[in-house]
Amino acid sequence: MKKIMNILKQPPIIEDLRNHSGEQLAELRVLLASEAPARPDPRRPHFFEIEGETSVYYVFKYPSGAKVMLIGVWERDPASQFATTACPAA
């Protein structure tokens, strides 16, 4: 289930804990500004995965909605994306 994360402040404030690249931060800003779909973490309130073109971002959204903490980034698996588009559910 995908959920839209509402960010009240534009552009959103991003707190980066691990010194991610400028390109990663820029892509995350674009995703947040465009209200990209986000998957909530079922075990952790206010934590989300946001899928970019080549990366997945794991973030914590502060309850106020004005700030996002970037926890981690990993590359998307192109094979899994191909499998979901090549084999639609019956």
PDB file of N, CA and C in Angstrom:
ATOM      1  N   MET A   1       0.843  -1.178   0.000  1.00  0.00           N
ATOM      2  CA  MET A   1       0.000   0.000   0.000  1.00  0.00           C
ATOM      3  C   MET A   1       0.884   1.236   0.000  1.00  0.00           C
ATOM      4  N   LYS A   2       0.627   2.128  -0.915  1.00  0.00           N
ATOM      5  CA  LYS A   2       1.397   3.365  -0.992  1.00  0.00           C
ATOM      6  C   LYS A   2       0.598   4.481  -0.351  1.00  0.00           C
ATOM      7  N   LYS A   3       1.313   5.351   0.310  1.00  0.00           N
ATOM      8  CA  LYS A   3       0.687   6.456   1.006  1.00  0.00           C
ATOM      9  C   LYS A   3       1.431   7.722   0.621  1.00  0.00           C
ATOM     10  N   ILE A   4       0.730   8.813   0.519  1.00  0.00           N
ATOM     11  CA  ILE A   4       1.369  10.087   0.203  1.00  0.00           C
ATOM     12  C   ILE A   4       1.756  10.749   1.511  1.00  0.00           C
ATOM     13  N   MET A   5       2.995  11.208   1.574  1.00  0.00           N
ATOM     14  CA  MET A   5       3.497  11.897   2.741  1.00  0.00           C
ATOM     15  C   MET A   5       3.280  13.380   2.528  1.00  0.00           C
ATOM     16  N   ASN A   6       2.501  13.996   3.345  1.00  0.00           N
ATOM     17  CA  ASN A   6       2.257  15.431   3.207  1.00  0.00           C
ATOM     18  C   ASN A   6       3.353  16.212   3.915  1.00  0.00           C
ATOM     19  N   ILE A   7       3.995  17.091   3.181  1.00  0.00           N
ATOM     20  CA  ILE A   7       5.021  17.966   3.730  1.00  0.00           C
ATOM     21  C   ILE A   7       4.441  19.373   3.698  1.00  0.00           C
ATOM     22  N   LEU A   8       4.421  20.032   4.857  1.00  0.00           N
ATOM     23  CA  LEU A   8       3.793  21.342   4.948  1.00  0.00           C
ATOM     24  C   LEU A   8       4.680  22.462   4.439  1.00  0.00           C
ATOM     25  N   LYS A   9       5.976  22.323   4.569  1.00  0.00           N
ATOM     26  CA  LYS A   9       6.887  23.400   4.200  1.00  0.00           C
ATOM     27  C   LYS A   9       7.543  23.085   2.868  1.00  0.00           C
ATOM     28  N   GLN A  10       7.553  24.058   1.951  1.00  0.00           N
ATOM     29  CA  GLN A  10       8.178  23.882   0.642  1.00  0.00           C
ATOM     30  C   GLN A  10       9.330  24.858   0.524  1.00  0.00           C
ATOM     31  N   PRO A  11      10.517  24.509   0.148  1.00  0.00           N
ATOM     32  CA  PRO A  11      10.975  23.133   0.028  1.00  0.00           C
ATOM     33  C   PRO A  11      11.155  22.513   1.415  1.00  0.00           C
ATOM     34  N   PRO A  12      11.023  21.197   1.503  1.00  0.00           N
ATOM     35  CA  PRO A  12      11.122  20.555   2.812  1.00  0.00           C
ATOM     36  C   PRO A  12      12.537  20.654   3.381  1.00  0.00           C
ATOM     37  N   ILE A  13      12.622  20.708   4.673  1.00  0.00           N
ATOM     38  CA  ILE A  13      13.913  20.688   5.352  1.00  0.00           C
ATOM     39  C   ILE A  13      14.327  19.226   5.472  1.00  0.00           C
ATOM     40  N   ILE A  14      15.525  18.915   4.989  1.00  0.00           N
ATOM     41  CA  ILE A  14      16.024  17.541   5.060  1.00  0.00           C
ATOM     42  C   ILE A  14      17.220  17.511   5.990  1.00  0.00           C
ATOM     43  N   GLU A  15      17.134  16.682   7.007  1.00  0.00           N
ATOM     44  CA  GLU A  15      18.249  16.464   7.924  1.00  0.00           C
ATOM     45  C   GLU A  15      18.936  15.177   7.477  1.00  0.00           C
ATOM     46  N   ASP A  16      20.214  15.260   7.160  1.00  0.00           N
ATOM     47  CA  ASP A  16      20.971  14.114   6.652  1.00  0.00           C
ATOM     48  C   ASP A  16      21.917  13.618   7.733  1.00  0.00           C
ATOM     49  N   LEU A  17      21.710  12.391   8.191  1.00  0.00           N
ATOM     50  CA  LEU A  17      22.520  11.847   9.274  1.00  0.00           C
ATOM     51  C   LEU A  17      23.846  11.254   8.817  1.00  0.00           C
ATOM     52  N   ARG A  18      23.940  10.889   7.529  1.00  0.00           N
ATOM     53  CA  ARG A  18      25.116  10.127   7.106  1.00  0.00           C
ATOM     54  C   ARG A  18      25.867  10.740   5.927  1.00  0.00           C
ATOM     55  N   ASN A  19      25.749  12.017   5.705  1.00  0.00           N
ATOM     56  CA  ASN A  19      26.478  12.688   4.626  1.00  0.00           C
ATOM     57  C   ASN A  19      26.270  12.027   3.265  1.00  0.00           C
ATOM     58  N   HIS A  20      25.026  11.908   2.844  1.00  0.00           N
ATOM     59  CA  HIS A  20      24.703  11.370   1.518  1.00  0.00           C
ATOM     60  C   HIS A  20      25.129  12.369   0.451  1.00  0.00           C
ATOM     61  N   SER A  21      25.224  11.898  -0.780  1.00  0.00           N
ATOM     62  CA  SER A  21      25.697  12.757  -1.868  1.00  0.00           C
ATOM     63  C   SER A  21      24.696  13.876  -2.155  1.00  0.00           C
ATOM     64  N   GLY A  22      25.206  14.925  -2.773  1.00  0.00           N
ATOM     65  CA  GLY A  22      24.352  16.042  -3.172  1.00  0.00           C
ATOM     66  C   GLY A  22      23.291  15.617  -4.159  1.00  0.00           C
ATOM     67  N   GLU A  23      23.636  14.666  -5.042  1.00  0.00           N
ATOM     68  CA  GLU A  23      22.668  14.160  -6.022  1.00  0.00           C
ATOM     69  C   GLU A  23      21.518  13.428  -5.331  1.00  0.00           C
ATOM     70  N   GLN A  24      21.855  12.650  -4.298  1.00  0.00           N
ATOM     71  CA  GLN A  24      20.809  11.931  -3.572  1.00  0.00           C
ATOM     72  C   GLN A  24      19.890  12.898  -2.839  1.00  0.00           C
ATOM     73  N   LEU A  25      20.465  13.907  -2.209  1.00  0.00           N
ATOM     74  CA  LEU A  25      19.642  14.901  -1.503  1.00  0.00           C
ATOM     75  C   LEU A  25      18.764  15.674  -2.475  1.00  0.00           C
ATOM     76  N   ALA A  26      19.322  16.003  -3.647  1.00  0.00           N
ATOM     77  CA  ALA A  26      18.537  16.727  -4.651  1.00  0.00           C
ATOM     78  C   ALA A  26      17.369  15.882  -5.142  1.00  0.00           C
ATOM     79  N   GLU A  27      17.617  14.584  -5.396  1.00  0.00           N
ATOM     80  CA  GLU A  27      16.520  13.721  -5.858  1.00  0.00           C
ATOM     81  C   GLU A  27      15.453  13.592  -4.775  1.00  0.00           C
ATOM     82  N   LEU A  28      15.873  13.443  -3.526  1.00  0.00           N
ATOM     83  CA  LEU A  28      14.893  13.344  -2.443  1.00  0.00           C
ATOM     84  C   LEU A  28      14.065  14.625  -2.341  1.00  0.00           C
ATOM     85  N   ARG A  29      14.682  15.778  -2.492  1.00  0.00           N
ATOM     86  CA  ARG A  29      13.932  17.053  -2.465  1.00  0.00           C
ATOM     87  C   ARG A  29      12.871  17.079  -3.559  1.00  0.00           C
ATOM     88  N   VAL A  30      13.252  16.635  -4.748  1.00  0.00           N
ATOM     89  CA  VAL A  30      12.301  16.609  -5.869  1.00  0.00           C
ATOM     90  C   VAL A  30      11.154  15.644  -5.557  1.00  0.00           C
ATOM     91  N   LEU A  31      11.483  14.470  -5.027  1.00  0.00           N
ATOM     92  CA  LEU A  31      10.441  13.487  -4.701  1.00  0.00           C
ATOM     93  C   LEU A  31       9.483  14.029  -3.647  1.00  0.00           C
ATOM     94  N   LEU A  32      10.014  14.667  -2.628  1.00  0.00           N
ATOM     95  CA  LEU A  32       9.161  15.227  -1.576  1.00  0.00           C
ATOM     96  C   LEU A  32       8.299  16.375  -2.101  1.00  0.00           C
ATOM     97  N   ALA A  33       8.885  17.217  -2.919  1.00  0.00           N
ATOM     98  CA  ALA A  33       8.139  18.355  -3.465  1.00  0.00           C
ATOM     99  C   ALA A  33       7.028  17.902  -4.404  1.00  0.00           C
ATOM    100  N   SER A  34       7.237  16.764  -5.086  1.00  0.00           N
ATOM    101  CA  SER A  34       6.227  16.267  -6.023  1.00  0.00           C
ATOM    102  C   SER A  34       5.248  15.294  -5.360  1.00  0.00           C
ATOM    103  N   GLU A  35       5.357  15.181  -4.032  1.00  0.00           N
ATOM    104  CA  GLU A  35       4.495  14.275  -3.263  1.00  0.00           C
ATOM    105  C   GLU A  35       4.524  12.861  -3.833  1.00  0.00           C
ATOM    106  N   ALA A  36       5.730  12.356  -4.065  1.00  0.00           N
ATOM    107  CA  ALA A  36       5.899  10.991  -4.574  1.00  0.00           C
ATOM    108  C   ALA A  36       5.307   9.991  -3.582  1.00  0.00           C
ATOM    109  N   PRO A  37       4.764   8.886  -4.091  1.00  0.00           N
ATOM    110  CA  PRO A  37       4.211   7.869  -3.190  1.00  0.00           C
ATOM    111  C   PRO A  37       5.283   7.326  -2.247  1.00  0.00           C
ATOM    112  N   ALA A  38       4.874   7.052  -1.024  1.00  0.00           N
ATOM    113  CA  ALA A  38       5.780   6.532  -0.008  1.00  0.00           C
ATOM    114  C   ALA A  38       5.133   5.345   0.683  1.00  0.00           C
ATOM    115  N   ARG A  39       5.930   4.322   0.942  1.00  0.00           N
ATOM    116  CA  ARG A  39       5.441   3.148   1.666  1.00  0.00           C
ATOM    117  C   ARG A  39       5.758   3.315   3.148  1.00  0.00           C
ATOM    118  N   PRO A  40       4.741   3.297   3.996  1.00  0.00           N
ATOM    119  CA  PRO A  40       5.007   3.410   5.432  1.00  0.00           C
ATOM    120  C   PRO A  40       5.643   2.124   5.956  1.00  0.00           C
ATOM    121  N   ASP A  41       6.530   2.259   6.916  1.00  0.00           N
ATOM    122  CA  ASP A  41       7.128   1.109   7.590  1.00  0.00           C
ATOM    123  C   ASP A  41       6.097   0.616   8.605  1.00  0.00           C
ATOM    124  N   PRO A  42       5.611  -0.610   8.462  1.00  0.00           N
ATOM    125  CA  PRO A  42       4.548  -1.075   9.361  1.00  0.00           C
ATOM    126  C   PRO A  42       4.990  -1.216  10.816  1.00  0.00           C
ATOM    127  N   ARG A  43       6.286  -1.293  11.061  1.00  0.00           N
ATOM    128  CA  ARG A  43       6.779  -1.472  12.432  1.00  0.00           C
ATOM    129  C   ARG A  43       7.217  -0.181  13.097  1.00  0.00           C
ATOM    130  N   ARG A  44       7.354   0.887  12.315  1.00  0.00           N
ATOM    131  CA  ARG A  44       7.860   2.141  12.870  1.00  0.00           C
ATOM    132  C   ARG A  44       7.006   3.313  12.399  1.00  0.00           C
ATOM    133  N   PRO A  45       6.259   3.935  13.296  1.00  0.00           N
ATOM    134  CA  PRO A  45       5.455   5.091  12.912  1.00  0.00           C
ATOM    135  C   PRO A  45       6.330   6.228  12.389  1.00  0.00           C
ATOM    136  N   HIS A  46       5.850   6.903  11.366  1.00  0.00           N
ATOM    137  CA  HIS A  46       6.494   8.078  10.761  1.00  0.00           C
ATOM    138  C   HIS A  46       7.730   7.741   9.928  1.00  0.00           C
ATOM    139  N   PHE A  47       8.020   6.453   9.697  1.00  0.00           N
ATOM    140  CA  PHE A  47       9.124   6.045   8.823  1.00  0.00           C
ATOM    141  C   PHE A  47       8.547   5.598   7.490  1.00  0.00           C
ATOM    142  N   PHE A  48       9.222   5.992   6.386  1.00  0.00           N
ATOM    143  CA  PHE A  48       8.719   5.702   5.042  1.00  0.00           C
ATOM    144  C   PHE A  48       9.855   5.325   4.102  1.00  0.00           C
ATOM    145  N   GLU A  49       9.521   4.551   3.072  1.00  0.00           N
ATOM    146  CA  GLU A  49      10.402   4.310   1.936  1.00  0.00           C
ATOM    147  C   GLU A  49       9.833   5.089   0.760  1.00  0.00           C
ATOM    148  N   ILE A  50      10.693   5.858   0.099  1.00  0.00           N
ATOM    149  CA  ILE A  50      10.289   6.641  -1.066  1.00  0.00           C
ATOM    150  C   ILE A  50      11.156   6.195  -2.231  1.00  0.00           C
ATOM    151  N   GLU A  51      10.517   5.777  -3.323  1.00  0.00           N
ATOM    152  CA  GLU A  51      11.256   5.276  -4.473  1.00  0.00           C
ATOM    153  C   GLU A  51      11.534   6.386  -5.472  1.00  0.00           C
ATOM    154  N   GLY A  52      12.825   6.554  -5.773  1.00  0.00           N
ATOM    155  CA  GLY A  52      13.256   7.454  -6.826  1.00  0.00           C
ATOM    156  C   GLY A  52      13.486   6.650  -8.094  1.00  0.00           C
ATOM    157  N   GLU A  53      14.069   7.285  -9.089  1.00  0.00           N
ATOM    158  CA  GLU A  53      14.310   6.611 -10.359  1.00  0.00           C
ATOM    159  C   GLU A  53      15.319   5.480 -10.218  1.00  0.00           C
ATOM    160  N   THR A  54      16.389   5.698  -9.462  1.00  0.00           N
ATOM    161  CA  THR A  54      17.414   4.671  -9.306  1.00  0.00           C
ATOM    162  C   THR A  54      17.662   4.286  -7.857  1.00  0.00           C
ATOM    163  N   SER A  55      17.105   5.039  -6.915  1.00  0.00           N
ATOM    164  CA  SER A  55      17.367   4.796  -5.494  1.00  0.00           C
ATOM    165  C   SER A  55      16.080   4.724  -4.691  1.00  0.00           C
ATOM    166  N   VAL A  56      16.193   4.095  -3.522  1.00  0.00           N
ATOM    167  CA  VAL A  56      15.106   4.067  -2.542  1.00  0.00           C
ATOM    168  C   VAL A  56      15.613   4.810  -1.313  1.00  0.00           C
ATOM    169  N   TYR A  57      14.793   5.699  -0.793  1.00  0.00           N
ATOM    170  CA  TYR A  57      15.163   6.532   0.346  1.00  0.00           C
ATOM    171  C   TYR A  57      14.343   6.095   1.561  1.00  0.00           C
ATOM    172  N   TYR A  58      15.031   5.900   2.691  1.00  0.00           N
ATOM    173  CA  TYR A  58      14.356   5.557   3.941  1.00  0.00           C
ATOM    174  C   TYR A  58      14.413   6.796   4.820  1.00  0.00           C
ATOM    175  N   VAL A  59      13.244   7.325   5.163  1.00  0.00           N
ATOM    176  CA  VAL A  59      13.179   8.598   5.872  1.00  0.00           C
ATOM    177  C   VAL A  59      12.267   8.509   7.092  1.00  0.00           C
ATOM    178  N   PHE A  60      12.502   9.426   8.008  1.00  0.00           N
ATOM    179  CA  PHE A  60      11.609   9.659   9.139  1.00  0.00           C
ATOM    180  C   PHE A  60      10.978  11.020   8.925  1.00  0.00           C
ATOM    181  N   LYS A  61       9.647  11.071   8.932  1.00  0.00           N
ATOM    182  CA  LYS A  61       8.933  12.347   8.791  1.00  0.00           C
ATOM    183  C   LYS A  61       8.516  12.808  10.178  1.00  0.00           C
ATOM    184  N   TYR A  62       9.021  13.957  10.574  1.00  0.00           N
ATOM    185  CA  TYR A  62       8.636  14.499  11.876  1.00  0.00           C
ATOM    186  C   TYR A  62       7.129  14.737  11.894  1.00  0.00           C
ATOM    187  N   PRO A  63       6.473  14.490  13.037  1.00  0.00           N
ATOM    188  CA  PRO A  63       5.017  14.667  13.115  1.00  0.00           C
ATOM    189  C   PRO A  63       4.537  16.054  12.700  1.00  0.00           C
ATOM    190  N   SER A  64       5.360  17.076  12.861  1.00  0.00           N
ATOM    191  CA  SER A  64       4.951  18.426  12.454  1.00  0.00           C
ATOM    192  C   SER A  64       4.820  18.538  10.936  1.00  0.00           C
ATOM    193  N   GLY A  65       5.512  17.642  10.196  1.00  0.00           N
ATOM    194  CA  GLY A  65       5.433  17.646   8.745  1.00  0.00           C
ATOM    195  C   GLY A  65       6.367  18.616   8.054  1.00  0.00           C
ATOM    196  N   ALA A  66       7.121  19.405   8.808  1.00  0.00           N
ATOM    197  CA  ALA A  66       7.987  20.418   8.204  1.00  0.00           C
ATOM    198  C   ALA A  66       9.409  19.923   7.962  1.00  0.00           C
ATOM    199  N   LYS A  67       9.745  18.741   8.471  1.00  0.00           N
ATOM    200  CA  LYS A  67      11.116  18.270   8.401  1.00  0.00           C
ATOM    201  C   LYS A  67      11.142  16.769   8.148  1.00  0.00           C
ATOM    202  N   VAL A  68      12.147  16.335   7.377  1.00  0.00           N
ATOM    203  CA  VAL A  68      12.339  14.920   7.070  1.00  0.00           C
ATOM    204  C   VAL A  68      13.785  14.561   7.400  1.00  0.00           C
ATOM    205  N   MET A  69      13.983  13.440   8.081  1.00  0.00           N
ATOM    206  CA  MET A  69      15.319  12.963   8.386  1.00  0.00           C
ATOM    207  C   MET A  69      15.650  11.817   7.433  1.00  0.00           C
ATOM    208  N   LEU A  70      16.723  11.965   6.664  1.00  0.00           N
ATOM    209  CA  LEU A  70      17.159  10.921   5.746  1.00  0.00           C
ATOM    210  C   LEU A  70      18.002   9.923   6.531  1.00  0.00           C
ATOM    211  N   ILE A  71      17.516   8.690   6.600  1.00  0.00           N
ATOM    212  CA  ILE A  71      18.192   7.638   7.367  1.00  0.00           C
ATOM    213  C   ILE A  71      19.123   6.833   6.479  1.00  0.00           C
ATOM    214  N   GLY A  72      18.640   6.432   5.303  1.00  0.00           N
ATOM    215  CA  GLY A  72      19.442   5.592   4.430  1.00  0.00           C
ATOM    216  C   GLY A  72      18.985   5.658   2.985  1.00  0.00           C
ATOM    217  N   VAL A  73      19.899   5.252   2.086  1.00  0.00           N
ATOM    218  CA  VAL A  73      19.630   5.218   0.651  1.00  0.00           C
ATOM    219  C   VAL A  73      20.227   3.933   0.103  1.00  0.00           C
ATOM    220  N   TRP A  74      19.480   3.271  -0.773  1.00  0.00           N
ATOM    221  CA  TRP A  74      20.027   2.111  -1.468  1.00  0.00           C
ATOM    222  C   TRP A  74      19.522   2.104  -2.898  1.00  0.00           C
ATOM    223  N   GLU A  75      20.266   1.407  -3.760  1.00  0.00           N
ATOM    224  CA  GLU A  75      19.891   1.338  -5.168  1.00  0.00           C
ATOM    225  C   GLU A  75      18.679   0.437  -5.340  1.00  0.00           C
ATOM    226  N   ARG A  76      17.797   0.852  -6.253  1.00  0.00           N
ATOM    227  CA  ARG A  76      16.648   0.017  -6.596  1.00  0.00           C
ATOM    228  C   ARG A  76      17.143  -1.197  -7.350  1.00  0.00           C
ATOM    229  N   ASP A  77      16.456  -2.302  -7.198  1.00  0.00           N
ATOM    230  CA  ASP A  77      16.796  -3.524  -7.917  1.00  0.00           C
ATOM    231  C   ASP A  77      16.050  -3.504  -9.248  1.00  0.00           C
ATOM    232  N   PRO A  78      16.754  -3.272 -10.372  1.00  0.00           N
ATOM    233  CA  PRO A  78      16.057  -3.192 -11.664  1.00  0.00           C
ATOM    234  C   PRO A  78      15.387  -4.500 -12.047  1.00  0.00           C
ATOM    235  N   ALA A  79      15.898  -5.624 -11.580  1.00  0.00           N
ATOM    236  CA  ALA A  79      15.290  -6.914 -11.917  1.00  0.00           C
ATOM    237  C   ALA A  79      13.909  -7.059 -11.280  1.00  0.00           C
ATOM    238  N   SER A  80      13.756  -6.589 -10.055  1.00  0.00           N
ATOM    239  CA  SER A  80      12.449  -6.711  -9.389  1.00  0.00           C
ATOM    240  C   SER A  80      11.439  -5.789 -10.050  1.00  0.00           C
ATOM    241  N   GLN A  81      11.867  -4.632 -10.525  1.00  0.00           N
ATOM    242  CA  GLN A  81      10.952  -3.717 -11.215  1.00  0.00           C
ATOM    243  C   GLN A  81      10.515  -4.329 -12.532  1.00  0.00           C
ATOM    244  N   PHE A  82      11.444  -4.959 -13.258  1.00  0.00           N
ATOM    245  CA  PHE A  82      11.117  -5.606 -14.509  1.00  0.00           C
ATOM    246  C   PHE A  82      10.125  -6.750 -14.281  1.00  0.00           C
ATOM    247  N   ALA A  83      10.328  -7.511 -13.221  1.00  0.00           N
ATOM    248  CA  ALA A  83       9.452  -8.643 -12.937  1.00  0.00           C
ATOM    249  C   ALA A  83       8.026  -8.184 -12.665  1.00  0.00           C
ATOM    250  N   THR A  84       7.865  -7.056 -11.989  1.00  0.00           N
ATOM    251  CA  THR A  84       6.503  -6.595 -11.695  1.00  0.00           C
ATOM    252  C   THR A  84       5.810  -6.028 -12.920  1.00  0.00           C
ATOM    253  N   THR A  85       6.587  -5.456 -13.851  1.00  0.00           N
ATOM    254  CA  THR A  85       5.953  -4.920 -15.049  1.00  0.00           C
ATOM    255  C   THR A  85       5.784  -5.985 -16.119  1.00  0.00           C
ATOM    256  N   ALA A  86       6.648  -7.009 -16.124  1.00  0.00           N
ATOM    257  CA  ALA A  86       6.579  -8.046 -17.161  1.00  0.00           C
ATOM    258  C   ALA A  86       5.572  -9.129 -16.820  1.00  0.00           C
ATOM    259  N   CYS A  87       5.280  -9.299 -15.531  1.00  0.00           N
ATOM    260  CA  CYS A  87       4.373 -10.372 -15.112  1.00  0.00           C
ATOM    261  C   CYS A  87       3.224  -9.794 -14.302  1.00  0.00           C
ATOM    262  N   PRO A  88       2.250  -9.189 -14.959  1.00  0.00           N
ATOM    263  CA  PRO A  88       1.143  -8.599 -14.208  1.00  0.00           C
ATOM    264  C   PRO A  88       0.337  -9.691 -13.487  1.00  0.00           C
ATOM    265  N   ALA A  89      -0.268  -9.309 -12.393  1.00  0.00           N
ATOM    266  CA  ALA A  89      -1.068 -10.253 -11.621  1.00  0.00           C
ATOM    267  C   ALA A  89      -2.255 -10.738 -12.448  1.00  0.00           C
ATOM    268  N   ALA A  90      -2.565 -12.008 -12.267  1.00  0.00           N
ATOM    269  CA  ALA A  90      -3.661 -12.602 -13.034  1.00  0.00           C
ATOM    270  C   ALA A  90      -4.994 -12.280 -12.407  1.00  0.00           C
TER     271      ALA A  90
END
